[in-house]
PDB file of all heavy atoms in Angstrom:
ATOM      1  N   ARG A   1     219.977  10.943  67.953  1.00  0.00           N
ATOM      2  CA  ARG A   1     219.638  10.947  66.468  1.00  0.00           C
ATOM      3  C   ARG A   1     219.354  12.312  65.939  1.00  0.00           C
ATOM      4  O   ARG A   1     218.657  12.501  64.889  1.00  0.00           O
ATOM      5  CB  ARG A   1     218.396   9.995  66.242  1.00  0.00           C
ATOM      6  CG  ARG A   1     218.672   8.626  66.539  1.00  0.00           C
ATOM      7  CD  ARG A   1     217.408   7.751  66.196  1.00  0.00           C
ATOM      8  NE  ARG A   1     217.594   6.342  66.509  1.00  0.00           N
ATOM      9  CZ  ARG A   1     216.735   5.379  66.350  1.00  0.00           C
ATOM     10  NH1 ARG A   1     215.522   5.695  65.838  1.00  0.00           N
ATOM     11  NH2 ARG A   1     216.936   4.120  66.680  1.00  0.00           N
ATOM     12  N   MET A   2     219.973  13.318  66.585  1.00  0.00           N
ATOM     13  CA  MET A   2     219.846  14.698  66.050  1.00  0.00           C
ATOM     14  C   MET A   2     220.744  14.800  64.890  1.00  0.00           C
ATOM     15  O   MET A   2     221.884  14.428  64.895  1.00  0.00           O
ATOM     16  CB  MET A   2     220.195  15.695  67.151  1.00  0.00           C
ATOM     17  CG  MET A   2     219.283  15.678  68.392  1.00  0.00           C
ATOM     18  SD  MET A   2     217.524  16.263  67.958  1.00  0.00           S
ATOM     19  CE  MET A   2     217.894  17.977  67.575  1.00  0.00           C
ATOM     20  N   VAL A   3     220.246  15.483  63.741  1.00  0.00           N
ATOM     21  CA  VAL A   3     221.103  15.705  62.559  1.00  0.00           C
ATOM     22  C   VAL A   3     221.165  17.239  62.407  1.00  0.00           C
ATOM     23  O   VAL A   3     220.076  17.890  62.204  1.00  0.00           O
ATOM     24  CB  VAL A   3     220.479  15.051  61.317  1.00  0.00           C
ATOM     25  CG1 VAL A   3     221.348  15.316  60.102  1.00  0.00           C
ATOM     26  CG2 VAL A   3     220.463  13.573  61.578  1.00  0.00           C
ATOM     27  N   GLU A   4     222.290  17.795  62.428  1.00  0.00           N
ATOM     28  CA  GLU A   4     222.434  19.204  62.279  1.00  0.00           C
ATOM     29  C   GLU A   4     223.548  19.574  61.306  1.00  0.00           C
ATOM     30  O   GLU A   4     224.419  18.830  61.037  1.00  0.00           O
ATOM     31  CB  GLU A   4     222.749  19.888  63.659  1.00  0.00           C
ATOM     32  CG  GLU A   4     221.612  19.653  64.644  1.00  0.00           C
ATOM     33  CD  GLU A   4     222.034  19.892  66.118  1.00  0.00           C
ATOM     34  OE1 GLU A   4     222.723  19.032  66.690  1.00  0.00           O
ATOM     35  OE2 GLU A   4     221.705  20.912  66.686  1.00  0.00           O
ATOM     36  N   HIS A   5     223.441  20.793  60.723  1.00  0.00           N
ATOM     37  CA  HIS A   5     224.363  21.281  59.795  1.00  0.00           C
ATOM     38  C   HIS A   5     225.273  22.387  60.432  1.00  0.00           C
ATOM     39  O   HIS A   5     224.701  23.409  61.034  1.00  0.00           O
ATOM     40  CB  HIS A   5     223.571  21.981  58.534  1.00  0.00           C
ATOM     41  CG  HIS A   5     222.941  20.873  57.749  1.00  0.00           C
ATOM     42  ND1 HIS A   5     223.224  20.729  56.386  1.00  0.00           N
ATOM     43  CD2 HIS A   5     222.001  19.907  58.139  1.00  0.00           C
ATOM     44  CE1 HIS A   5     222.439  19.737  55.922  1.00  0.00           C
ATOM     45  NE2 HIS A   5     221.744  19.240  56.932  1.00  0.00           N
ATOM     46  N   LEU A   6     226.523  22.302  60.289  1.00  0.00           N
ATOM     47  CA  LEU A   6     227.429  23.233  60.816  1.00  0.00           C
ATOM     48  C   LEU A   6     228.239  23.812  59.697  1.00  0.00           C
ATOM     49  O   LEU A   6     228.529  23.187  58.635  1.00  0.00           O
ATOM     50  CB  LEU A   6     228.413  22.647  61.837  1.00  0.00           C
ATOM     51  CG  LEU A   6     227.823  22.061  63.176  1.00  0.00           C
ATOM     52  CD1 LEU A   6     228.924  21.505  63.995  1.00  0.00           C
ATOM     53  CD2 LEU A   6     227.102  23.214  63.893  1.00  0.00           C
ATOM     54  N   PRO A   7     228.773  25.063  59.792  1.00  0.00           N
ATOM     55  CA  PRO A   7     229.598  25.652  58.717  1.00  0.00           C
ATOM     56  C   PRO A   7     230.925  24.940  58.647  1.00  0.00           C
ATOM     57  O   PRO A   7     231.567  24.697  59.551  1.00  0.00           O
ATOM     58  CB  PRO A   7     229.719  27.113  59.088  1.00  0.00           C
ATOM     59  CG  PRO A   7     229.454  27.073  60.609  1.00  0.00           C
ATOM     60  CD  PRO A   7     228.543  26.001  60.890  1.00  0.00           C
ATOM     61  N   LEU A   8     231.365  24.655  57.425  1.00  0.00           N
ATOM     62  CA  LEU A   8     232.654  24.066  57.154  1.00  0.00           C
ATOM     63  C   LEU A   8     233.656  25.167  57.066  1.00  0.00           C
ATOM     64  O   LEU A   8     233.886  25.786  55.879  1.00  0.00           O
ATOM     65  CB  LEU A   8     232.622  23.231  55.927  1.00  0.00           C
ATOM     66  CG  LEU A   8     233.768  22.299  55.547  1.00  0.00           C
ATOM     67  CD1 LEU A   8     234.033  21.342  56.690  1.00  0.00           C
ATOM     68  CD2 LEU A   8     233.596  21.493  54.289  1.00  0.00           C
ATOM     69  N   LEU A   9     234.307  25.515  58.123  1.00  0.00           N
ATOM     70  CA  LEU A   9     235.277  26.625  58.197  1.00  0.00           C
ATOM     71  C   LEU A   9     236.397  26.403  57.228  1.00  0.00           C
ATOM     72  O   LEU A   9     236.708  25.179  56.908  1.00  0.00           O
ATOM     73  CB  LEU A   9     235.773  26.786  59.632  1.00  0.00           C
ATOM     74  CG  LEU A   9     234.704  27.051  60.720  1.00  0.00           C
ATOM     75  CD1 LEU A   9     235.352  27.126  62.090  1.00  0.00           C
ATOM     76  CD2 LEU A   9     233.857  28.228  60.361  1.00  0.00           C
ATOM     77  N   SER A  10     236.968  27.410  56.694  1.00  0.00           N
ATOM     78  CA  SER A  10     237.990  27.362  55.742  1.00  0.00           C
ATOM     79  C   SER A  10     239.211  26.410  56.084  1.00  0.00           C
ATOM     80  O   SER A  10     239.604  25.593  55.308  1.00  0.00           O
ATOM     81  CB  SER A  10     238.506  28.714  55.325  1.00  0.00           C
ATOM     82  OG  SER A  10     239.040  29.355  56.394  1.00  0.00           O
ATOM     83  N   ASP A  11     239.758  26.664  57.297  1.00  0.00           N
ATOM     84  CA  ASP A  11     240.969  25.836  57.701  1.00  0.00           C
ATOM     85  C   ASP A  11     240.465  24.392  57.935  1.00  0.00           C
ATOM     86  O   ASP A  11     241.292  23.480  57.609  1.00  0.00           O
ATOM     87  CB  ASP A  11     241.606  26.422  58.900  1.00  0.00           C
ATOM     88  CG  ASP A  11     240.662  26.590  60.124  1.00  0.00           C
ATOM     89  OD1 ASP A  11     239.456  26.504  59.914  1.00  0.00           O
ATOM     90  OD2 ASP A  11     241.179  26.832  61.270  1.00  0.00           O
ATOM     91  N   VAL A  12     239.270  24.152  58.407  1.00  0.00           N
ATOM     92  CA  VAL A  12     238.844  22.794  58.591  1.00  0.00           C
ATOM     93  C   VAL A  12     238.627  22.093  57.203  1.00  0.00           C
ATOM     94  O   VAL A  12     239.050  21.017  57.054  1.00  0.00           O
ATOM     95  CB  VAL A  12     237.551  22.803  59.365  1.00  0.00           C
ATOM     96  CG1 VAL A  12     237.079  21.342  59.519  1.00  0.00           C
ATOM     97  CG2 VAL A  12     237.720  23.374  60.799  1.00  0.00           C
ATOM     98  N   GLY A  13     238.010  22.898  56.330  1.00  0.00           N
ATOM     99  CA  GLY A  13     237.821  22.353  55.003  1.00  0.00           C
ATOM    100  C   GLY A  13     239.073  21.931  54.291  1.00  0.00           C
ATOM    101  O   GLY A  13     239.215  20.936  53.641  1.00  0.00           O
ATOM    102  N   GLU A  14     240.131  22.885  54.457  1.00  0.00           N
ATOM    103  CA  GLU A  14     241.382  22.634  53.745  1.00  0.00           C
ATOM    104  C   GLU A  14     242.002  21.347  54.338  1.00  0.00           C
ATOM    105  O   GLU A  14     242.669  20.563  53.608  1.00  0.00           O
ATOM    106  CB  GLU A  14     242.263  23.785  53.900  1.00  0.00           C
ATOM    107  CG  GLU A  14     241.865  25.048  53.165  1.00  0.00           C
ATOM    108  CD  GLU A  14     242.745  26.231  53.374  1.00  0.00           C
ATOM    109  OE1 GLU A  14     243.666  26.118  54.210  1.00  0.00           O
ATOM    110  OE2 GLU A  14     242.421  27.352  52.946  1.00  0.00           O
ATOM    111  N   ALA A  15     241.966  21.198  55.620  1.00  0.00           N
ATOM    112  CA  ALA A  15     242.574  20.039  56.296  1.00  0.00           C
ATOM    113  C   ALA A  15     241.897  18.787  55.893  1.00  0.00           C
ATOM    114  O   ALA A  15     242.535  17.790  55.604  1.00  0.00           O
ATOM    115  CB  ALA A  15     242.549  20.200  57.795  1.00  0.00           C
ATOM    116  N   LEU A  16     240.567  18.762  55.807  1.00  0.00           N
ATOM    117  CA  LEU A  16     239.808  17.619  55.325  1.00  0.00           C
ATOM    118  C   LEU A  16     240.132  17.288  53.920  1.00  0.00           C
ATOM    119  O   LEU A  16     240.314  16.034  53.538  1.00  0.00           O
ATOM    120  CB  LEU A  16     238.263  17.838  55.519  1.00  0.00           C
ATOM    121  CG  LEU A  16     237.753  17.766  56.931  1.00  0.00           C
ATOM    122  CD1 LEU A  16     236.301  18.300  56.998  1.00  0.00           C
ATOM    123  CD2 LEU A  16     237.788  16.382  57.477  1.00  0.00           C
ATOM    124  N   ALA A  17     240.152  18.333  53.052  1.00  0.00           N
ATOM    125  CA  ALA A  17     240.359  18.116  51.617  1.00  0.00           C
ATOM    126  C   ALA A  17     241.828  17.522  51.384  1.00  0.00           C
ATOM    127  O   ALA A  17     242.083  16.636  50.631  1.00  0.00           O
ATOM    128  CB  ALA A  17     240.263  19.362  50.840  1.00  0.00           C
ATOM    129  N   GLY A  18     242.757  18.106  52.122  1.00  0.00           N
ATOM    130  CA  GLY A  18     244.127  17.505  52.052  1.00  0.00           C
ATOM    131  C   GLY A  18     244.222  16.066  52.483  1.00  0.00           C
ATOM    132  O   GLY A  18     244.958  15.320  51.821  1.00  0.00           O
ATOM    133  N   TYR A  19     243.544  15.710  53.624  1.00  0.00           N
ATOM    134  CA  TYR A  19     243.568  14.396  53.976  1.00  0.00           C
ATOM    135  C   TYR A  19     242.921  13.390  52.998  1.00  0.00           C
ATOM    136  O   TYR A  19     243.459  12.316  52.706  1.00  0.00           O
ATOM    137  CB  TYR A  19     242.837  14.270  55.361  1.00  0.00           C
ATOM    138  CG  TYR A  19     242.447  12.849  55.778  1.00  0.00           C
ATOM    139  CD1 TYR A  19     243.346  11.865  55.985  1.00  0.00           C
ATOM    140  CD2 TYR A  19     241.077  12.511  55.858  1.00  0.00           C
ATOM    141  CE1 TYR A  19     242.928  10.591  56.356  1.00  0.00           C
ATOM    142  CE2 TYR A  19     240.620  11.271  56.234  1.00  0.00           C
ATOM    143  CZ  TYR A  19     241.588  10.291  56.390  1.00  0.00           C
ATOM    144  OH  TYR A  19     241.200   8.998  56.842  1.00  0.00           O
ATOM    145  N   LEU A  20     241.696  13.821  52.538  1.00  0.00           N
ATOM    146  CA  LEU A  20     241.066  12.902  51.577  1.00  0.00           C
ATOM    147  C   LEU A  20     241.769  12.799  50.243  1.00  0.00           C
ATOM    148  O   LEU A  20     241.793  11.690  49.637  1.00  0.00           O
ATOM    149  CB  LEU A  20     239.624  13.497  51.352  1.00  0.00           C
ATOM    150  CG  LEU A  20     238.618  13.530  52.445  1.00  0.00           C
ATOM    151  CD1 LEU A  20     237.422  14.277  52.099  1.00  0.00           C
ATOM    152  CD2 LEU A  20     238.382  12.158  52.923  1.00  0.00           C
ATOM    153  N   ARG A  21     242.426  13.862  49.848  1.00  0.00           N
ATOM    154  CA  ARG A  21     243.187  13.785  48.558  1.00  0.00           C
ATOM    155  C   ARG A  21     244.545  13.147  48.658  1.00  0.00           C
ATOM    156  O   ARG A  21     244.818  12.381  47.723  1.00  0.00           O
ATOM    157  CB  ARG A  21     243.382  15.250  48.046  1.00  0.00           C
ATOM    158  CG  ARG A  21     243.985  15.321  46.660  1.00  0.00           C
ATOM    159  CD  ARG A  21     243.877  16.801  46.168  1.00  0.00           C
ATOM    160  NE  ARG A  21     244.613  17.686  47.102  1.00  0.00           N
ATOM    161  CZ  ARG A  21     244.058  18.593  47.757  1.00  0.00           C
ATOM    162  NH1 ARG A  21     242.653  18.838  47.652  1.00  0.00           N
ATOM    163  NH2 ARG A  21     244.690  19.401  48.588  1.00  0.00           N
ATOM    164  N   GLU A  22     245.268  13.321  49.690  1.00  0.00           N
ATOM    165  CA  GLU A  22     246.670  12.885  49.810  1.00  0.00           C
ATOM    166  C   GLU A  22     246.896  11.681  50.644  1.00  0.00           C
ATOM    167  O   GLU A  22     247.809  10.899  50.459  1.00  0.00           O
ATOM    168  CB  GLU A  22     247.527  14.017  50.278  1.00  0.00           C
ATOM    169  CG  GLU A  22     247.394  15.320  49.572  1.00  0.00           C
ATOM    170  CD  GLU A  22     247.967  15.148  48.131  1.00  0.00           C
ATOM    171  OE1 GLU A  22     248.741  14.301  47.854  1.00  0.00           O
ATOM    172  OE2 GLU A  22     247.561  16.091  47.263  1.00  0.00           O
ATOM    173  N   ALA A  23     246.002  11.468  51.713  1.00  0.00           N
ATOM    174  CA  ALA A  23     246.425  10.491  52.683  1.00  0.00           C
ATOM    175  C   ALA A  23     245.419   9.326  52.977  1.00  0.00           C
ATOM    176  O   ALA A  23     245.661   8.443  53.655  1.00  0.00           O
ATOM    177  CB  ALA A  23     246.576  11.197  54.078  1.00  0.00           C
ATOM    178  N   ARG A  24     244.284   9.399  52.283  1.00  0.00           N
ATOM    179  CA  ARG A  24     243.241   8.393  52.504  1.00  0.00           C
ATOM    180  C   ARG A  24     243.079   7.486  51.338  1.00  0.00           C
ATOM    181  O   ARG A  24     242.883   7.921  50.169  1.00  0.00           O
ATOM    182  CB  ARG A  24     241.886   9.071  52.800  1.00  0.00           C
ATOM    183  CG  ARG A  24     240.768   8.147  53.183  1.00  0.00           C
ATOM    184  CD  ARG A  24     239.479   8.984  53.325  1.00  0.00           C
ATOM    185  NE  ARG A  24     238.340   8.157  53.734  1.00  0.00           N
ATOM    186  CZ  ARG A  24     237.701   7.403  52.907  1.00  0.00           C
ATOM    187  NH1 ARG A  24     237.920   7.412  51.658  1.00  0.00           N
ATOM    188  NH2 ARG A  24     236.648   6.644  53.342  1.00  0.00           N
ATOM    189  N   ALA A  25     243.239   6.150  51.598  1.00  0.00           N
ATOM    190  CA  ALA A  25     242.979   5.220  50.472  1.00  0.00           C
ATOM    191  C   ALA A  25     242.080   4.085  51.067  1.00  0.00           C
ATOM    192  O   ALA A  25     242.606   3.180  51.705  1.00  0.00           O
ATOM    193  CB  ALA A  25     244.295   4.630  50.002  1.00  0.00           C
ATOM    194  N   SER A  26     240.780   4.134  50.849  1.00  0.00           N
ATOM    195  CA  SER A  26     239.899   3.115  51.409  1.00  0.00           C
ATOM    196  C   SER A  26     238.558   3.193  50.678  1.00  0.00           C
ATOM    197  O   SER A  26     238.176   4.236  50.138  1.00  0.00           O
ATOM    198  CB  SER A  26     239.587   3.457  52.818  1.00  0.00           C
ATOM    199  OG  SER A  26     238.677   2.549  53.406  1.00  0.00           O
ATOM    200  N   ALA A  27     237.945   2.001  50.546  1.00  0.00           N
ATOM    201  CA  ALA A  27     236.543   1.985  50.006  1.00  0.00           C
ATOM    202  C   ALA A  27     235.475   2.266  50.999  1.00  0.00           C
ATOM    203  O   ALA A  27     234.255   2.385  50.666  1.00  0.00           O
ATOM    204  CB  ALA A  27     236.297   0.558  49.453  1.00  0.00           C
ATOM    205  N   SER A  28     235.908   2.455  52.274  1.00  0.00           N
ATOM    206  CA  SER A  28     234.861   2.805  53.314  1.00  0.00           C
ATOM    207  C   SER A  28     234.211   4.152  53.133  1.00  0.00           C
ATOM    208  O   SER A  28     234.809   5.035  52.529  1.00  0.00           O
ATOM    209  CB  SER A  28     235.627   2.720  54.761  1.00  0.00           C
ATOM    210  OG  SER A  28     234.653   3.193  55.710  1.00  0.00           O
ATOM    211  N   ARG A  29     232.982   4.271  53.485  1.00  0.00           N
ATOM    212  CA  ARG A  29     232.293   5.614  53.440  1.00  0.00           C
ATOM    213  C   ARG A  29     232.656   6.461  54.601  1.00  0.00           C
ATOM    214  O   ARG A  29     232.281   7.590  54.617  1.00  0.00           O
ATOM    215  CB  ARG A  29     230.752   5.388  53.312  1.00  0.00           C
ATOM    216  CG  ARG A  29     230.290   4.610  52.113  1.00  0.00           C
ATOM    217  CD  ARG A  29     230.605   5.383  50.883  1.00  0.00           C
ATOM    218  NE  ARG A  29     229.889   6.701  50.825  1.00  0.00           N
ATOM    219  CZ  ARG A  29     230.143   7.661  49.938  1.00  0.00           C
ATOM    220  NH1 ARG A  29     231.080   7.474  48.991  1.00  0.00           N
ATOM    221  NH2 ARG A  29     229.495   8.818  49.936  1.00  0.00           N
ATOM    222  N   ARG A  30     233.206   5.908  55.564  1.00  0.00           N
ATOM    223  CA  ARG A  30     233.682   6.746  56.767  1.00  0.00           C
ATOM    224  C   ARG A  30     234.740   7.711  56.334  1.00  0.00           C
ATOM    225  O   ARG A  30     235.659   7.316  55.534  1.00  0.00           O
ATOM    226  CB  ARG A  30     234.140   5.864  57.866  1.00  0.00           C
ATOM    227  CG  ARG A  30     233.154   5.019  58.648  1.00  0.00           C
ATOM    228  CD  ARG A  30     232.252   5.911  59.391  1.00  0.00           C
ATOM    229  NE  ARG A  30     231.255   5.106  60.141  1.00  0.00           N
ATOM    230  CZ  ARG A  30     231.393   4.567  61.327  1.00  0.00           C
ATOM    231  NH1 ARG A  30     232.586   4.566  61.880  1.00  0.00           N
ATOM    232  NH2 ARG A  30     230.460   3.792  61.844  1.00  0.00           N
ATOM    233  N   VAL A  31     234.729   8.977  56.886  1.00  0.00           N
ATOM    234  CA  VAL A  31     235.769   9.854  56.491  1.00  0.00           C
ATOM    235  C   VAL A  31     237.066   9.450  57.108  1.00  0.00           C
ATOM    236  O   VAL A  31     238.103   9.462  56.359  1.00  0.00           O
ATOM    237  CB  VAL A  31     235.324  11.293  57.029  1.00  0.00           C
ATOM    238  CG1 VAL A  31     236.501  12.272  56.836  1.00  0.00           C
ATOM    239  CG2 VAL A  31     234.096  11.778  56.423  1.00  0.00           C
ATOM    240  N   PHE A  32     237.145   9.085  58.387  1.00  0.00           N
ATOM    241  CA  PHE A  32     238.323   8.794  58.971  1.00  0.00           C
ATOM    242  C   PHE A  32     238.503   7.248  59.193  1.00  0.00           C
ATOM    243  O   PHE A  32     237.642   6.643  59.788  1.00  0.00           O
ATOM    244  CB  PHE A  32     238.476   9.497  60.336  1.00  0.00           C
ATOM    245  CG  PHE A  32     238.511  10.999  60.242  1.00  0.00           C
ATOM    246  CD1 PHE A  32     237.406  11.690  60.586  1.00  0.00           C
ATOM    247  CD2 PHE A  32     239.605  11.691  59.751  1.00  0.00           C
ATOM    248  CE1 PHE A  32     237.355  13.134  60.458  1.00  0.00           C
ATOM    249  CE2 PHE A  32     239.586  13.048  59.663  1.00  0.00           C
ATOM    250  CZ  PHE A  32     238.464  13.765  59.944  1.00  0.00           C
ATOM    251  N   VAL A  33     239.610   6.792  58.587  1.00  0.00           N
ATOM    252  CA  VAL A  33     239.805   5.289  58.486  1.00  0.00           C
ATOM    253  C   VAL A  33     241.100   4.979  59.152  1.00  0.00           C
ATOM    254  O   VAL A  33     242.007   5.807  59.423  1.00  0.00           O
ATOM    255  CB  VAL A  33     239.728   4.761  57.140  1.00  0.00           C
ATOM    256  CG1 VAL A  33     238.401   5.044  56.540  1.00  0.00           C
ATOM    257  CG2 VAL A  33     240.838   5.391  56.248  1.00  0.00           C
ATOM    258  N   ARG A  34     241.270   3.641  59.441  1.00  0.00           N
ATOM    259  CA  ARG A  34     242.575   3.085  59.896  1.00  0.00           C
ATOM    260  C   ARG A  34     243.672   3.332  59.017  1.00  0.00           C
ATOM    261  O   ARG A  34     243.497   3.293  57.762  1.00  0.00           O
ATOM    262  CB  ARG A  34     242.402   1.655  60.322  1.00  0.00           C
ATOM    263  CG  ARG A  34     241.551   1.345  61.416  1.00  0.00           C
ATOM    264  CD  ARG A  34     241.100  -0.107  61.457  1.00  0.00           C
ATOM    265  NE  ARG A  34     242.222  -1.013  61.130  1.00  0.00           N
ATOM    266  CZ  ARG A  34     242.983  -1.631  62.039  1.00  0.00           C
ATOM    267  NH1 ARG A  34     242.780  -1.469  63.300  1.00  0.00           N
ATOM    268  NH2 ARG A  34     243.938  -2.454  61.579  1.00  0.00           N
ATOM    269  N   LEU A  35     244.903   3.489  59.498  1.00  0.00           N
ATOM    270  CA  LEU A  35     246.081   3.551  58.651  1.00  0.00           C
ATOM    271  C   LEU A  35     246.513   2.273  58.136  1.00  0.00           C
ATOM    272  O   LEU A  35     247.190   2.162  57.140  1.00  0.00           O
ATOM    273  CB  LEU A  35     247.179   4.337  59.410  1.00  0.00           C
ATOM    274  CG  LEU A  35     246.907   5.794  59.800  1.00  0.00           C
ATOM    275  CD1 LEU A  35     247.963   6.323  60.670  1.00  0.00           C
ATOM    276  CD2 LEU A  35     246.703   6.616  58.599  1.00  0.00           C
ATOM    277  N   LEU A  36     246.270   1.201  58.910  1.00  0.00           N
ATOM    278  CA  LEU A  36     246.659  -0.222  58.468  1.00  0.00           C
ATOM    279  C   LEU A  36     245.536  -1.003  58.181  1.00  0.00           C
ATOM    280  O   LEU A  36     244.373  -0.746  58.586  1.00  0.00           O
ATOM    281  CB  LEU A  36     247.478  -0.891  59.706  1.00  0.00           C
ATOM    282  CG  LEU A  36     248.690  -0.061  60.232  1.00  0.00           C
ATOM    283  CD1 LEU A  36     249.206  -0.815  61.460  1.00  0.00           C
ATOM    284  CD2 LEU A  36     249.754  -0.058  59.111  1.00  0.00           C
ATOM    285  N   ALA A  37     245.675  -1.990  57.372  1.00  0.00           N
ATOM    286  CA  ALA A  37     244.526  -2.870  56.927  1.00  0.00           C
ATOM    287  C   ALA A  37     243.993  -3.658  58.124  1.00  0.00           C
ATOM    288  O   ALA A  37     244.773  -4.010  59.051  1.00  0.00           O
ATOM    289  CB  ALA A  37     245.053  -3.799  55.856  1.00  0.00           C
ATOM    290  N   PRO A  38     242.702  -3.888  58.130  1.00  0.00           N
ATOM    291  CA  PRO A  38     241.701  -3.423  57.188  1.00  0.00           C
ATOM    292  C   PRO A  38     241.477  -1.885  57.272  1.00  0.00           C
ATOM    293  O   PRO A  38     241.251  -1.358  58.388  1.00  0.00           O
ATOM    294  CB  PRO A  38     240.450  -4.164  57.527  1.00  0.00           C
ATOM    295  CG  PRO A  38     240.551  -4.536  58.986  1.00  0.00           C
ATOM    296  CD  PRO A  38     242.020  -4.650  59.225  1.00  0.00           C
ATOM    297  N   ARG A  39     241.471  -1.180  56.229  1.00  0.00           N
ATOM    298  CA  ARG A  39     241.257   0.305  56.136  1.00  0.00           C
ATOM    299  C   ARG A  39     239.747   0.631  56.318  1.00  0.00           C
ATOM    300  O   ARG A  39     239.167   1.006  55.347  1.00  0.00           O
ATOM    301  CB  ARG A  39     241.909   0.849  55.010  1.00  0.00           C
ATOM    302  CG  ARG A  39     243.431   0.754  54.957  1.00  0.00           C
ATOM    303  CD  ARG A  39     243.949   1.360  53.709  1.00  0.00           C
ATOM    304  NE  ARG A  39     245.407   1.212  53.509  1.00  0.00           N
ATOM    305  CZ  ARG A  39     246.351   1.961  54.084  1.00  0.00           C
ATOM    306  NH1 ARG A  39     245.906   3.018  54.686  1.00  0.00           N
ATOM    307  NH2 ARG A  39     247.658   1.724  53.904  1.00  0.00           N
ATOM    308  N   VAL A  40     239.282   0.334  57.485  1.00  0.00           N
ATOM    309  CA  VAL A  40     237.900   0.630  57.742  1.00  0.00           C
ATOM    310  C   VAL A  40     237.813   1.817  58.654  1.00  0.00           C
ATOM    311  O   VAL A  40     238.800   2.293  59.144  1.00  0.00           O
ATOM    312  CB  VAL A  40     237.244  -0.630  58.397  1.00  0.00           C
ATOM    313  CG1 VAL A  40     237.102  -1.768  57.468  1.00  0.00           C
ATOM    314  CG2 VAL A  40     237.894  -1.032  59.672  1.00  0.00           C
TER     315      VAL A  40
END
C-alpha cells in the first residue's frame, strides 16, 4: 500500500497522452483498458 510520486518523463508523457487522446475509448477509470468489449 505504498503510494509514491515519480517524474513523468517527456517521452513517457507523450506516449500516454497519445494513447489517451487517440486510442482509448472507455468509461473505466483505469488508464490501460481492453481493446475489445467490455472495455474495462
